[in-house]
PDB file of N, CA and C in Angstrom:
ATOM      1  N   MET A   1      23.983  83.900 178.275  1.00  0.00           N
ATOM      2  CA  MET A   1      24.753  83.548 179.399  1.00  0.00           C
ATOM      3  C   MET A   1      26.313  83.227 178.821  1.00  0.00           C
ATOM      4  N   SER A   2      27.401  83.683 179.404  1.00  0.00           N
ATOM      5  CA  SER A   2      28.528  83.592 178.586  1.00  0.00           C
ATOM      6  C   SER A   2      29.284  82.279 178.374  1.00  0.00           C
ATOM      7  N   LYS A   3      29.621  82.136 177.273  1.00  0.00           N
ATOM      8  CA  LYS A   3      30.510  80.499 176.789  1.00  0.00           C
ATOM      9  C   LYS A   3      32.005  80.691 177.118  1.00  0.00           C
ATOM     10  N   SER A   4      32.567  79.597 177.485  1.00  0.00           N
ATOM     11  CA  SER A   4      34.039  79.279 177.589  1.00  0.00           C
ATOM     12  C   SER A   4      34.267  78.303 176.725  1.00  0.00           C
ATOM     13  N   ILE A   5      35.863  78.256 176.885  1.00  0.00           N
ATOM     14  CA  ILE A   5      36.676  77.223 176.288  1.00  0.00           C
ATOM     15  C   ILE A   5      38.111  76.932 176.744  1.00  0.00           C
ATOM     16  N   ALA A   6      38.267  76.172 176.799  1.00  0.00           N
ATOM     17  CA  ALA A   6      39.996  75.641 177.451  1.00  0.00           C
ATOM     18  C   ALA A   6      40.790  75.404 176.191  1.00  0.00           C
ATOM     19  N   ILE A   7      41.651  75.952 176.033  1.00  0.00           N
ATOM     20  CA  ILE A   7      42.619  75.843 174.950  1.00  0.00           C
ATOM     21  C   ILE A   7      43.790  75.211 175.681  1.00  0.00           C
ATOM     22  N   ILE A   8      44.059  73.699 175.268  1.00  0.00           N
ATOM     23  CA  ILE A   8      44.950  72.957 175.891  1.00  0.00           C
ATOM     24  C   ILE A   8      46.493  72.914 174.509  1.00  0.00           C
ATOM     25  N   GLY A   9      47.156  73.509 175.226  1.00  0.00           N
ATOM     26  CA  GLY A   9      48.581  73.638 174.259  1.00  0.00           C
ATOM     27  C   GLY A   9      48.497  75.169 173.636  1.00  0.00           C
ATOM     28  N   ALA A  10      47.988  75.859 174.616  1.00  0.00           N
ATOM     29  CA  ALA A  10      47.863  77.557 174.329  1.00  0.00           C
ATOM     30  C   ALA A  10      49.275  77.926 174.440  1.00  0.00           C
ATOM     31  N   SER A  11      49.657  79.051 173.381  1.00  0.00           N
ATOM     32  CA  SER A  11      51.342  79.164 173.644  1.00  0.00           C
ATOM     33  C   SER A  11      51.164  80.901 173.646  1.00  0.00           C
ATOM     34  N   SER A  12      52.420  81.156 174.062  1.00  0.00           N
ATOM     35  CA  SER A  12      52.593  82.574 174.172  1.00  0.00           C
ATOM     36  C   SER A  12      53.155  83.357 172.849  1.00  0.00           C
ATOM     37  N   ASN A  13      53.618  82.437 171.810  1.00  0.00           N
ATOM     38  CA  ASN A  13      54.079  82.675 170.701  1.00  0.00           C
ATOM     39  C   ASN A  13      52.920  82.765 169.605  1.00  0.00           C
ATOM     40  N   ARG A  14      53.011  84.256 169.180  1.00  0.00           N
ATOM     41  CA  ARG A  14      52.067  84.603 168.302  1.00  0.00           C
ATOM     42  C   ARG A  14      52.097  83.898 167.026  1.00  0.00           C
ATOM     43  N   SER A  15      52.864  83.195 166.580  1.00  0.00           N
ATOM     44  CA  SER A  15      53.031  82.524 165.362  1.00  0.00           C
ATOM     45  C   SER A  15      52.418  81.346 165.157  1.00  0.00           C
ATOM     46  N   LYS A  16      52.244  80.681 166.480  1.00  0.00           N
ATOM     47  CA  LYS A  16      51.622  79.385 166.729  1.00  0.00           C
ATOM     48  C   LYS A  16      50.074  79.333 166.917  1.00  0.00           C
ATOM     49  N   PHE A  17      49.510  78.221 166.528  1.00  0.00           N
ATOM     50  CA  PHE A  17      47.629  78.305 166.456  1.00  0.00           C
ATOM     51  C   PHE A  17      47.424  78.053 167.505  1.00  0.00           C
ATOM     52  N   GLY A  18      48.303  77.602 169.041  1.00  0.00           N
ATOM     53  CA  GLY A  18      47.758  77.624 170.155  1.00  0.00           C
ATOM     54  C   GLY A  18      47.472  78.951 170.990  1.00  0.00           C
ATOM     55  N   ASN A  19      48.059  79.849 170.018  1.00  0.00           N
ATOM     56  CA  ASN A  19      48.057  81.327 170.637  1.00  0.00           C
ATOM     57  C   ASN A  19      46.989  81.831 169.684  1.00  0.00           C
ATOM     58  N   LYS A  20      46.757  81.890 168.430  1.00  0.00           N
ATOM     59  CA  LYS A  20      46.059  82.482 167.659  1.00  0.00           C
ATOM     60  C   LYS A  20      44.351  82.110 167.872  1.00  0.00           C
ATOM     61  N   ALA A  21      44.354  80.754 168.386  1.00  0.00           N
ATOM     62  CA  ALA A  21      42.944  80.223 168.854  1.00  0.00           C
ATOM     63  C   ALA A  21      42.474  81.113 170.120  1.00  0.00           C
ATOM     64  N   VAL A  22      43.526  81.519 171.080  1.00  0.00           N
ATOM     65  CA  VAL A  22      43.359  81.658 172.284  1.00  0.00           C
ATOM     66  C   VAL A  22      42.967  83.655 171.723  1.00  0.00           C
ATOM     67  N   ARG A  23      43.628  83.818 170.843  1.00  0.00           N
ATOM     68  CA  ARG A  23      42.961  85.916 170.251  1.00  0.00           C
ATOM     69  C   ARG A  23      41.578  85.534 169.554  1.00  0.00           C
ATOM     70  N   ALA A  24      41.662  84.198 168.951  1.00  0.00           N
ATOM     71  CA  ALA A  24      40.269  84.481 168.080  1.00  0.00           C
ATOM     72  C   ALA A  24      39.120  84.028 168.828  1.00  0.00           C
ATOM     73  N   TRP A  25      39.205  83.230 170.158  1.00  0.00           N
ATOM     74  CA  TRP A  25      37.783  82.412 170.832  1.00  0.00           C
ATOM     75  C   TRP A  25      37.805  84.096 171.902  1.00  0.00           C
ATOM     76  N   VAL A  26      38.980  84.584 171.829  1.00  0.00           N
ATOM     77  CA  VAL A  26      38.542  85.816 172.824  1.00  0.00           C
ATOM     78  C   VAL A  26      37.975  86.879 172.040  1.00  0.00           C
ATOM     79  N   GLN A  27      38.310  87.110 170.973  1.00  0.00           N
ATOM     80  CA  GLN A  27      37.525  88.163 169.913  1.00  0.00           C
ATOM     81  C   GLN A  27      36.232  87.422 169.582  1.00  0.00           C
ATOM     82  N   ALA A  28      35.840  86.648 170.074  1.00  0.00           N
ATOM     83  CA  ALA A  28      34.093  85.602 169.531  1.00  0.00           C
ATOM     84  C   ALA A  28      33.608  86.039 171.043  1.00  0.00           C
ATOM     85  N   GLY A  29      33.972  86.688 171.858  1.00  0.00           N
ATOM     86  CA  GLY A  29      33.412  86.899 173.287  1.00  0.00           C
ATOM     87  C   GLY A  29      33.546  85.694 174.232  1.00  0.00           C
ATOM     88  N   TYR A  30      33.993  84.216 173.795  1.00  0.00           N
ATOM     89  CA  TYR A  30      34.252  83.529 174.630  1.00  0.00           C
ATOM     90  C   TYR A  30      35.204  83.927 176.366  1.00  0.00           C
ATOM     91  N   THR A  31      34.791  83.266 177.519  1.00  0.00           N
ATOM     92  CA  THR A  31      35.818  83.340 178.472  1.00  0.00           C
ATOM     93  C   THR A  31      36.744  82.153 177.849  1.00  0.00           C
ATOM     94  N   VAL A  32      38.249  82.429 178.004  1.00  0.00           N
ATOM     95  CA  VAL A  32      39.371  81.273 177.589  1.00  0.00           C
ATOM     96  C   VAL A  32      40.099  81.200 178.799  1.00  0.00           C
ATOM     97  N   TYR A  33      40.091  79.842 178.770  1.00  0.00           N
ATOM     98  CA  TYR A  33      41.072  79.171 179.579  1.00  0.00           C
ATOM     99  C   TYR A  33      42.401  78.669 178.805  1.00  0.00           C
ATOM    100  N   PRO A  34      43.292  79.423 178.947  1.00  0.00           N
ATOM    101  CA  PRO A  34      44.888  78.774 178.206  1.00  0.00           C
ATOM    102  C   PRO A  34      45.469  77.553 179.392  1.00  0.00           C
ATOM    103  N   ILE A  35      45.926  76.995 178.730  1.00  0.00           N
ATOM    104  CA  ILE A  35      46.175  75.511 179.275  1.00  0.00           C
ATOM    105  C   ILE A  35      47.685  75.460 178.813  1.00  0.00           C
ATOM    106  N   ASN A  36      48.727  75.681 179.721  1.00  0.00           N
ATOM    107  CA  ASN A  36      49.956  75.025 179.338  1.00  0.00           C
ATOM    108  C   ASN A  36      50.914  75.208 180.596  1.00  0.00           C
ATOM    109  N   PRO A  37      51.361  73.995 180.706  1.00  0.00           N
ATOM    110  CA  PRO A  37      52.279  73.662 182.237  1.00  0.00           C
ATOM    111  C   PRO A  37      53.642  74.872 181.996  1.00  0.00           C
ATOM    112  N   LYS A  38      53.849  75.390 181.338  1.00  0.00           N
ATOM    113  CA  LYS A  38      55.169  76.345 181.474  1.00  0.00           C
ATOM    114  C   LYS A  38      54.993  77.807 181.525  1.00  0.00           C
ATOM    115  N   ASP A  39      53.783  78.517 180.826  1.00  0.00           N
ATOM    116  CA  ASP A  39      53.456  79.837 180.867  1.00  0.00           C
ATOM    117  C   ASP A  39      52.641  80.338 181.959  1.00  0.00           C
ATOM    118  N   ASP A  40      52.849  81.608 182.443  1.00  0.00           N
ATOM    119  CA  ASP A  40      52.112  82.122 183.490  1.00  0.00           C
ATOM    120  C   ASP A  40      50.744  83.027 183.552  1.00  0.00           C
ATOM    121  N   THR A  41      51.026  83.332 181.827  1.00  0.00           N
ATOM    122  CA  THR A  41      49.790  84.310 181.222  1.00  0.00           C
ATOM    123  C   THR A  41      50.324  84.158 180.013  1.00  0.00           C
ATOM    124  N   ILE A  42      49.353  84.432 178.890  1.00  0.00           N
ATOM    125  CA  ILE A  42      49.273  84.219 177.505  1.00  0.00           C
ATOM    126  C   ILE A  42      48.243  85.062 177.184  1.00  0.00           C
ATOM    127  N   GLU A  43      48.601  86.299 176.082  1.00  0.00           N
ATOM    128  CA  GLU A  43      47.871  87.281 175.779  1.00  0.00           C
ATOM    129  C   GLU A  43      46.758  88.103 177.019  1.00  0.00           C
ATOM    130  N   GLY A  44      47.581  88.419 178.283  1.00  0.00           N
ATOM    131  CA  GLY A  44      47.073  88.940 179.294  1.00  0.00           C
ATOM    132  C   GLY A  44      46.294  88.105 179.969  1.00  0.00           C
ATOM    133  N   LEU A  45      46.046  86.911 179.716  1.00  0.00           N
ATOM    134  CA  LEU A  45      44.864  85.881 180.196  1.00  0.00           C
ATOM    135  C   LEU A  45      45.902  84.605 181.523  1.00  0.00           C
ATOM    136  N   LYS A  46      45.272  84.546 182.168  1.00  0.00           N
ATOM    137  CA  LYS A  46      45.837  83.633 183.601  1.00  0.00           C
ATOM    138  C   LYS A  46      45.671  82.309 182.721  1.00  0.00           C
ATOM    139  N   VAL A  47      47.422  81.466 183.093  1.00  0.00           N
ATOM    140  CA  VAL A  47      47.178  80.314 182.496  1.00  0.00           C
ATOM    141  C   VAL A  47      47.155  79.459 183.289  1.00  0.00           C
ATOM    142  N   TYR A  48      46.484  78.218 183.038  1.00  0.00           N
ATOM    143  CA  TYR A  48      46.100  77.129 184.084  1.00  0.00           C
ATOM    144  C   TYR A  48      47.424  75.825 184.024  1.00  0.00           C
ATOM    145  N   ARG A  49      47.595  75.015 184.420  1.00  0.00           N
ATOM    146  CA  ARG A  49      48.488  74.104 184.638  1.00  0.00           C
ATOM    147  C   ARG A  49      47.956  72.877 183.922  1.00  0.00           C
ATOM    148  N   SER A  50      46.533  72.309 183.793  1.00  0.00           N
ATOM    149  CA  SER A  50      45.673  71.655 183.737  1.00  0.00           C
ATOM    150  C   SER A  50      44.197  71.764 183.549  1.00  0.00           C
ATOM    151  N   VAL A  51      43.346  70.829 183.004  1.00  0.00           N
ATOM    152  CA  VAL A  51      42.618  70.824 183.230  1.00  0.00           C
ATOM    153  C   VAL A  51      41.574  70.582 184.414  1.00  0.00           C
ATOM    154  N   ALA A  52      42.111  69.955 185.373  1.00  0.00           N
ATOM    155  CA  ALA A  52      41.446  69.731 186.810  1.00  0.00           C
ATOM    156  C   ALA A  52      41.908  71.400 187.600  1.00  0.00           C
ATOM    157  N   ASP A  53      42.965  72.203 187.166  1.00  0.00           N
ATOM    158  CA  ASP A  53      43.127  73.570 187.513  1.00  0.00           C
ATOM    159  C   ASP A  53      42.120  74.555 187.350  1.00  0.00           C
ATOM    160  N   LEU A  54      41.194  73.963 186.635  1.00  0.00           N
ATOM    161  CA  LEU A  54      40.195  75.100 185.784  1.00  0.00           C
ATOM    162  C   LEU A  54      39.180  75.460 187.047  1.00  0.00           C
ATOM    163  N   PRO A  55      38.912  76.639 187.098  1.00  0.00           N
ATOM    164  CA  PRO A  55      37.892  77.225 187.976  1.00  0.00           C
ATOM    165  C   PRO A  55      36.298  76.831 187.656  1.00  0.00           C
ATOM    166  N   GLU A  56      36.031  76.371 186.787  1.00  0.00           N
ATOM    167  CA  GLU A  56      34.868  76.239 186.042  1.00  0.00           C
ATOM    168  C   GLU A  56      35.075  74.752 184.830  1.00  0.00           C
ATOM    169  N   THR A  57      33.680  74.675 184.699  1.00  0.00           N
ATOM    170  CA  THR A  57      33.815  73.369 183.289  1.00  0.00           C
ATOM    171  C   THR A  57      33.303  74.248 182.228  1.00  0.00           C
ATOM    172  N   PRO A  58      34.336  74.595 181.499  1.00  0.00           N
ATOM    173  CA  PRO A  58      34.176  75.023 180.276  1.00  0.00           C
ATOM    174  C   PRO A  58      33.030  74.145 178.873  1.00  0.00           C
ATOM    175  N   ASP A  59      32.504  75.393 178.261  1.00  0.00           N
ATOM    176  CA  ASP A  59      31.633  74.586 177.174  1.00  0.00           C
ATOM    177  C   ASP A  59      32.716  73.496 176.443  1.00  0.00           C
ATOM    178  N   TYR A  60      33.623  73.721 175.932  1.00  0.00           N
ATOM    179  CA  TYR A  60      34.529  73.317 175.039  1.00  0.00           C
ATOM    180  C   TYR A  60      35.977  73.083 175.597  1.00  0.00           C
ATOM    181  N   ALA A  61      36.976  72.278 174.958  1.00  0.00           N
ATOM    182  CA  ALA A  61      38.012  72.031 174.837  1.00  0.00           C
ATOM    183  C   ALA A  61      38.652  72.232 173.911  1.00  0.00           C
ATOM    184  N   ASN A  62      39.508  72.852 173.498  1.00  0.00           N
ATOM    185  CA  ASN A  62      40.482  73.012 172.486  1.00  0.00           C
ATOM    186  C   ASN A  62      41.950  72.333 172.202  1.00  0.00           C
ATOM    187  N   LEU A  63      42.033  71.408 171.279  1.00  0.00           N
ATOM    188  CA  LEU A  63      43.365  70.578 171.702  1.00  0.00           C
ATOM    189  C   LEU A  63      44.430  71.234 170.517  1.00  0.00           C
ATOM    190  N   TYR A  64      45.435  71.957 171.146  1.00  0.00           N
ATOM    191  CA  TYR A  64      46.962  72.022 170.007  1.00  0.00           C
ATOM    192  C   TYR A  64      48.097  71.116 171.065  1.00  0.00           C
ATOM    193  N   VAL A  65      47.957  70.251 170.990  1.00  0.00           N
ATOM    194  CA  VAL A  65      49.276  69.148 171.278  1.00  0.00           C
ATOM    195  C   VAL A  65      49.081  68.156 170.486  1.00  0.00           C
ATOM    196  N   PRO A  66      50.048  67.196 170.442  1.00  0.00           N
ATOM    197  CA  PRO A  66      50.392  65.979 169.358  1.00  0.00           C
ATOM    198  C   PRO A  66      49.236  65.137 169.953  1.00  0.00           C
ATOM    199  N   PRO A  67      48.924  64.142 169.284  1.00  0.00           N
ATOM    200  CA  PRO A  67      47.784  63.481 169.084  1.00  0.00           C
ATOM    201  C   PRO A  67      47.997  62.579 170.185  1.00  0.00           C
ATOM    202  N   ALA A  68      49.349  61.965 170.411  1.00  0.00           N
ATOM    203  CA  ALA A  68      49.292  61.043 171.540  1.00  0.00           C
ATOM    204  C   ALA A  68      48.983  61.689 173.130  1.00  0.00           C
ATOM    205  N   VAL A  69      49.412  63.256 172.820  1.00  0.00           N
ATOM    206  CA  VAL A  69      49.347  63.878 174.549  1.00  0.00           C
ATOM    207  C   VAL A  69      47.536  64.063 174.499  1.00  0.00           C
ATOM    208  N   GLY A  70      47.251  64.475 173.531  1.00  0.00           N
ATOM    209  CA  GLY A  70      45.462  64.678 173.191  1.00  0.00           C
ATOM    210  C   GLY A  70      44.955  63.422 173.829  1.00  0.00           C
ATOM    211  N   LEU A  71      45.191  62.220 173.402  1.00  0.00           N
ATOM    212  CA  LEU A  71      44.476  60.981 173.649  1.00  0.00           C
ATOM    213  C   LEU A  71      44.853  60.760 175.304  1.00  0.00           C
ATOM    214  N   LYS A  72      45.834  61.177 176.195  1.00  0.00           N
ATOM    215  CA  LYS A  72      45.806  60.706 177.179  1.00  0.00           C
ATOM    216  C   LYS A  72      45.218  62.088 177.972  1.00  0.00           C
ATOM    217  N   LEU A  73      45.082  63.079 177.417  1.00  0.00           N
ATOM    218  CA  LEU A  73      44.117  64.254 178.107  1.00  0.00           C
ATOM    219  C   LEU A  73      42.937  63.884 178.396  1.00  0.00           C
ATOM    220  N   LEU A  74      42.417  62.996 177.695  1.00  0.00           N
ATOM    221  CA  LEU A  74      40.958  62.812 177.097  1.00  0.00           C
ATOM    222  C   LEU A  74      40.009  62.511 178.410  1.00  0.00           C
ATOM    223  N   ASP A  75      40.534  61.469 179.524  1.00  0.00           N
ATOM    224  CA  ASP A  75      40.065  61.068 180.769  1.00  0.00           C
ATOM    225  C   ASP A  75      39.762  62.591 181.700  1.00  0.00           C
ATOM    226  N   ASP A  76      41.025  63.410 181.531  1.00  0.00           N
ATOM    227  CA  ASP A  76      40.744  64.990 182.343  1.00  0.00           C
ATOM    228  C   ASP A  76      40.030  65.246 181.409  1.00  0.00           C
ATOM    229  N   ILE A  77      39.589  65.653 180.523  1.00  0.00           N
ATOM    230  CA  ILE A  77      38.616  66.144 180.096  1.00  0.00           C
ATOM    231  C   ILE A  77      36.875  65.806 180.237  1.00  0.00           C
ATOM    232  N   ALA A  78      36.889  64.534 180.072  1.00  0.00           N
ATOM    233  CA  ALA A  78      35.505  64.058 180.437  1.00  0.00           C
ATOM    234  C   ALA A  78      35.281  64.023 182.206  1.00  0.00           C
ATOM    235  N   ALA A  79      36.425  63.639 182.642  1.00  0.00           N
ATOM    236  CA  ALA A  79      36.314  63.917 184.330  1.00  0.00           C
ATOM    237  C   ALA A  79      35.743  65.209 184.635  1.00  0.00           C
ATOM    238  N   LYS A  80      36.467  66.332 184.458  1.00  0.00           N
ATOM    239  CA  LYS A  80      35.968  67.899 184.101  1.00  0.00           C
ATOM    240  C   LYS A  80      34.704  68.156 184.411  1.00  0.00           C
ATOM    241  N   GLY A  81      33.834  67.391 183.266  1.00  0.00           N
ATOM    242  CA  GLY A  81      32.680  67.554 182.467  1.00  0.00           C
ATOM    243  C   GLY A  81      32.578  68.397 181.225  1.00  0.00           C
ATOM    244  N   ILE A  82      33.324  68.741 180.608  1.00  0.00           N
ATOM    245  CA  ILE A  82      33.465  69.185 179.445  1.00  0.00           C
ATOM    246  C   ILE A  82      32.987  67.980 178.339  1.00  0.00           C
ATOM    247  N   LYS A  83      31.635  68.224 177.243  1.00  0.00           N
ATOM    248  CA  LYS A  83      31.549  67.147 176.770  1.00  0.00           C
ATOM    249  C   LYS A  83      32.008  67.615 175.226  1.00  0.00           C
ATOM    250  N   GLU A  84      32.164  68.534 174.982  1.00  0.00           N
ATOM    251  CA  GLU A  84      32.959  68.906 173.201  1.00  0.00           C
ATOM    252  C   GLU A  84      34.066  69.138 172.979  1.00  0.00           C
ATOM    253  N   VAL A  85      35.053  68.688 172.244  1.00  0.00           N
ATOM    254  CA  VAL A  85      36.091  68.751 172.188  1.00  0.00           C
ATOM    255  C   VAL A  85      36.587  68.893 170.948  1.00  0.00           C
ATOM    256  N   PHE A  86      37.164  69.922 170.344  1.00  0.00           N
ATOM    257  CA  PHE A  86      37.712  70.274 169.203  1.00  0.00           C
ATOM    258  C   PHE A  86      39.197  69.686 169.173  1.00  0.00           C
ATOM    259  N   ALA A  87      39.462  68.510 168.222  1.00  0.00           N
ATOM    260  CA  ALA A  87      40.736  68.396 167.968  1.00  0.00           C
ATOM    261  C   ALA A  87      40.963  68.738 166.525  1.00  0.00           C
ATOM    262  N   ASN A  88      42.264  69.748 166.162  1.00  0.00           N
ATOM    263  CA  ASN A  88      42.550  70.633 165.505  1.00  0.00           C
ATOM    264  C   ASN A  88      43.618  69.780 164.407  1.00  0.00           C
ATOM    265  N   PRO A  89      43.384  70.274 163.257  1.00  0.00           N
ATOM    266  CA  PRO A  89      44.048  69.523 162.296  1.00  0.00           C
ATOM    267  C   PRO A  89      45.719  69.319 163.015  1.00  0.00           C
ATOM    268  N   GLY A  90      46.241  68.043 163.107  1.00  0.00           N
ATOM    269  CA  GLY A  90      47.727  67.942 163.678  1.00  0.00           C
ATOM    270  C   GLY A  90      47.450  67.314 165.082  1.00  0.00           C
ATOM    271  N   ALA A  91      46.556  67.668 165.378  1.00  0.00           N
ATOM    272  CA  ALA A  91      46.150  67.349 166.561  1.00  0.00           C
ATOM    273  C   ALA A  91      45.430  66.244 167.452  1.00  0.00           C
ATOM    274  N   ASP A  92      44.753  65.696 166.078  1.00  0.00           N
ATOM    275  CA  ASP A  92      43.528  64.798 165.749  1.00  0.00           C
ATOM    276  C   ASP A  92      44.260  63.267 165.280  1.00  0.00           C
ATOM    277  N   SER A  93      43.379  62.287 165.892  1.00  0.00           N
ATOM    278  CA  SER A  93      43.674  60.969 165.390  1.00  0.00           C
ATOM    279  C   SER A  93      42.616  59.720 165.671  1.00  0.00           C
ATOM    280  N   GLU A  94      42.628  59.089 164.799  1.00  0.00           N
ATOM    281  CA  GLU A  94      41.500  58.093 164.999  1.00  0.00           C
ATOM    282  C   GLU A  94      41.368  57.295 166.350  1.00  0.00           C
ATOM    283  N   ALA A  95      42.331  57.452 166.848  1.00  0.00           N
ATOM    284  CA  ALA A  95      42.386  56.799 168.118  1.00  0.00           C
ATOM    285  C   ALA A  95      41.547  57.734 169.037  1.00  0.00           C
ATOM    286  N   MET A  96      41.755  58.828 169.143  1.00  0.00           N
ATOM    287  CA  MET A  96      41.633  60.085 170.015  1.00  0.00           C
ATOM    288  C   MET A  96      39.809  60.429 169.677  1.00  0.00           C
ATOM    289  N   VAL A  97      39.196  59.792 168.737  1.00  0.00           N
ATOM    290  CA  VAL A  97      37.889  60.157 168.292  1.00  0.00           C
ATOM    291  C   VAL A  97      37.183  58.790 168.626  1.00  0.00           C
ATOM    292  N   ILE A  98      37.699  57.448 168.822  1.00  0.00           N
ATOM    293  CA  ILE A  98      37.218  56.223 169.151  1.00  0.00           C
ATOM    294  C   ILE A  98      37.267  56.357 170.958  1.00  0.00           C
ATOM    295  N   ARG A  99      38.313  56.777 171.464  1.00  0.00           N
ATOM    296  CA  ARG A  99      38.479  57.029 172.826  1.00  0.00           C
ATOM    297  C   ARG A  99      37.758  58.171 173.532  1.00  0.00           C
ATOM    298  N   GLY A 100      37.366  59.200 172.616  1.00  0.00           N
ATOM    299  CA  GLY A 100      36.605  59.987 173.140  1.00  0.00           C
ATOM    300  C   GLY A 100      35.326  59.732 173.440  1.00  0.00           C
ATOM    301  N   ASN A 101      34.883  58.768 171.853  1.00  0.00           N
ATOM    302  CA  ASN A 101      33.196  58.468 172.054  1.00  0.00           C
ATOM    303  C   ASN A 101      32.911  57.600 173.184  1.00  0.00           C
ATOM    304  N   GLU A 102      33.898  56.525 173.210  1.00  0.00           N
ATOM    305  CA  GLU A 102      33.902  55.611 174.774  1.00  0.00           C
ATOM    306  C   GLU A 102      33.617  56.713 176.090  1.00  0.00           C
ATOM    307  N   LEU A 103      34.310  57.770 175.857  1.00  0.00           N
ATOM    308  CA  LEU A 103      33.736  58.622 177.303  1.00  0.00           C
ATOM    309  C   LEU A 103      32.701  59.646 177.363  1.00  0.00           C
ATOM    310  N   GLY A 104      32.055  59.357 176.033  1.00  0.00           N
ATOM    311  CA  GLY A 104      31.052  60.345 176.102  1.00  0.00           C
ATOM    312  C   GLY A 104      31.221  61.478 175.665  1.00  0.00           C
ATOM    313  N   LEU A 105      32.358  61.850 174.969  1.00  0.00           N
ATOM    314  CA  LEU A 105      32.732  63.209 174.053  1.00  0.00           C
ATOM    315  C   LEU A 105      32.347  63.401 172.913  1.00  0.00           C
ATOM    316  N   ASP A 106      31.899  64.522 172.431  1.00  0.00           N
ATOM    317  CA  ASP A 106      31.895  65.238 170.965  1.00  0.00           C
ATOM    318  C   ASP A 106      33.116  65.337 170.412  1.00  0.00           C
ATOM    319  N   VAL A 107      34.066  64.509 169.906  1.00  0.00           N
ATOM    320  CA  VAL A 107      35.531  64.968 169.321  1.00  0.00           C
ATOM    321  C   VAL A 107      35.197  65.241 167.800  1.00  0.00           C
ATOM    322  N   MET A 108      35.263  66.901 167.775  1.00  0.00           N
ATOM    323  CA  MET A 108      35.101  67.507 166.393  1.00  0.00           C
ATOM    324  C   MET A 108      36.354  67.507 165.923  1.00  0.00           C
ATOM    325  N   ARG A 109      37.003  67.030 164.417  1.00  0.00           N
ATOM    326  CA  ARG A 109      38.184  66.794 163.803  1.00  0.00           C
ATOM    327  C   ARG A 109      37.837  68.079 162.894  1.00  0.00           C
ATOM    328  N   ALA A 110      38.090  69.387 163.667  1.00  0.00           N
ATOM    329  CA  ALA A 110      37.902  70.340 162.736  1.00  0.00           C
ATOM    330  C   ALA A 110      38.730  71.929 163.419  1.00  0.00           C
ATOM    331  N   CYS A 111      39.020  72.811 162.400  1.00  0.00           N
ATOM    332  CA  CYS A 111      40.177  73.749 163.188  1.00  0.00           C
ATOM    333  C   CYS A 111      38.993  74.622 163.870  1.00  0.00           C
ATOM    334  N   SER A 112      39.178  74.863 164.768  1.00  0.00           N
ATOM    335  CA  SER A 112      38.565  75.811 165.758  1.00  0.00           C
ATOM    336  C   SER A 112      38.312  77.072 165.573  1.00  0.00           C
ATOM    337  N   ILE A 113      39.386  77.535 164.938  1.00  0.00           N
ATOM    338  CA  ILE A 113      39.582  78.881 165.086  1.00  0.00           C
ATOM    339  C   ILE A 113      38.607  79.468 163.587  1.00  0.00           C
ATOM    340  N   VAL A 114      38.167  78.488 162.633  1.00  0.00           N
ATOM    341  CA  VAL A 114      37.259  78.430 161.660  1.00  0.00           C
ATOM    342  C   VAL A 114      36.039  78.772 162.256  1.00  0.00           C
ATOM    343  N   ALA A 115      35.925  77.974 162.977  1.00  0.00           N
ATOM    344  CA  ALA A 115      34.727  77.881 164.244  1.00  0.00           C
ATOM    345  C   ALA A 115      33.696  79.064 164.684  1.00  0.00           C
ATOM    346  N   THR A 116      35.085  80.160 164.818  1.00  0.00           N
ATOM    347  CA  THR A 116      34.718  81.260 165.402  1.00  0.00           C
ATOM    348  C   THR A 116      34.258  82.425 164.400  1.00  0.00           C
ATOM    349  N   GLY A 117      34.502  81.916 162.954  1.00  0.00           N
ATOM    350  CA  GLY A 117      34.061  82.611 161.704  1.00  0.00           C
ATOM    351  C   GLY A 117      35.314  83.632 161.354  1.00  0.00           C
ATOM    352  N   LYS A 118      36.305  82.924 161.669  1.00  0.00           N
ATOM    353  CA  LYS A 118      37.697  83.793 161.532  1.00  0.00           C
ATOM    354  C   LYS A 118      38.599  82.770 160.600  1.00  0.00           C
ATOM    355  N   THR A 119      40.043  82.768 160.465  1.00  0.00           N
ATOM    356  CA  THR A 119      41.051  81.694 159.975  1.00  0.00           C
ATOM    357  C   THR A 119      42.113  82.336 160.560  1.00  0.00           C
ATOM    358  N   PRO A 120      43.016  81.228 161.021  1.00  0.00           N
ATOM    359  CA  PRO A 120      44.091  81.594 161.254  1.00  0.00           C
ATOM    360  C   PRO A 120      45.308  82.998 160.789  1.00  0.00           C
ATOM    361  N   MET A 121      44.987  83.129 159.398  1.00  0.00           N
ATOM    362  CA  MET A 121      45.476  84.051 158.687  1.00  0.00           C
ATOM    363  C   MET A 121      44.753  85.277 159.383  1.00  0.00           C
ATOM    364  N   ASP A 122      43.759  85.594 160.107  1.00  0.00           N
ATOM    365  CA  ASP A 122      42.770  87.042 160.374  1.00  0.00           C
ATOM    366  C   ASP A 122      43.793  87.095 161.501  1.00  0.00           C
ATOM    367  N   PHE A 123      45.136  86.463 162.367  1.00  0.00           N
ATOM    368  CA  PHE A 123      45.997  86.783 163.366  1.00  0.00           C
ATOM    369  C   PHE A 123      47.082  86.786 163.151  1.00  0.00           C
ATOM    370  N   PRO A 124      47.766  87.723 162.869  1.00  0.00           N
ATOM    371  CA  PRO A 124      49.245  88.077 162.388  1.00  0.00           C
ATOM    372  C   PRO A 124      49.937  87.462 163.512  1.00  0.00           C
ATOM    373  N   ASP A 125      51.466  87.139 163.288  1.00  0.00           N
ATOM    374  CA  ASP A 125      52.455  86.700 164.143  1.00  0.00           C
ATOM    375  C   ASP A 125      52.710  87.578 164.986  1.00  0.00           C
ATOM    376  N   SER A 126      52.943  88.972 164.541  1.00  0.00           N
ATOM    377  CA  SER A 126      53.094  90.172 165.557  1.00  0.00           C
ATOM    378  C   SER A 126      52.647  90.748 166.162  1.00  0.00           C
TER     379      SER A 126
END
């Protein structure tokens, strides 16, 4: 069965972690749903404007947005039925973990790229 992940804060800028994560999860064999309100495609993938717009419920959500933004998105993530959330370094906060737990989410404070068996350095900026 195919696994899937929503990359919230995905970026078309290859030097940003939101882009490196898209590439890492695609390489890991996942169906990747980039979420960004401004881009149409990232790394050849269709971009969605919000979690609510996704065509399915992904196995994971991956946050590459400021902590205050991620905190506001947790309700949408829970409403979509996503149960596990990566709050990457710089995107995590204690308030996010607390709110996520209240919503029944498993909020992991970790670099999601490392979870694929790679590091951000494995994905060049060019």
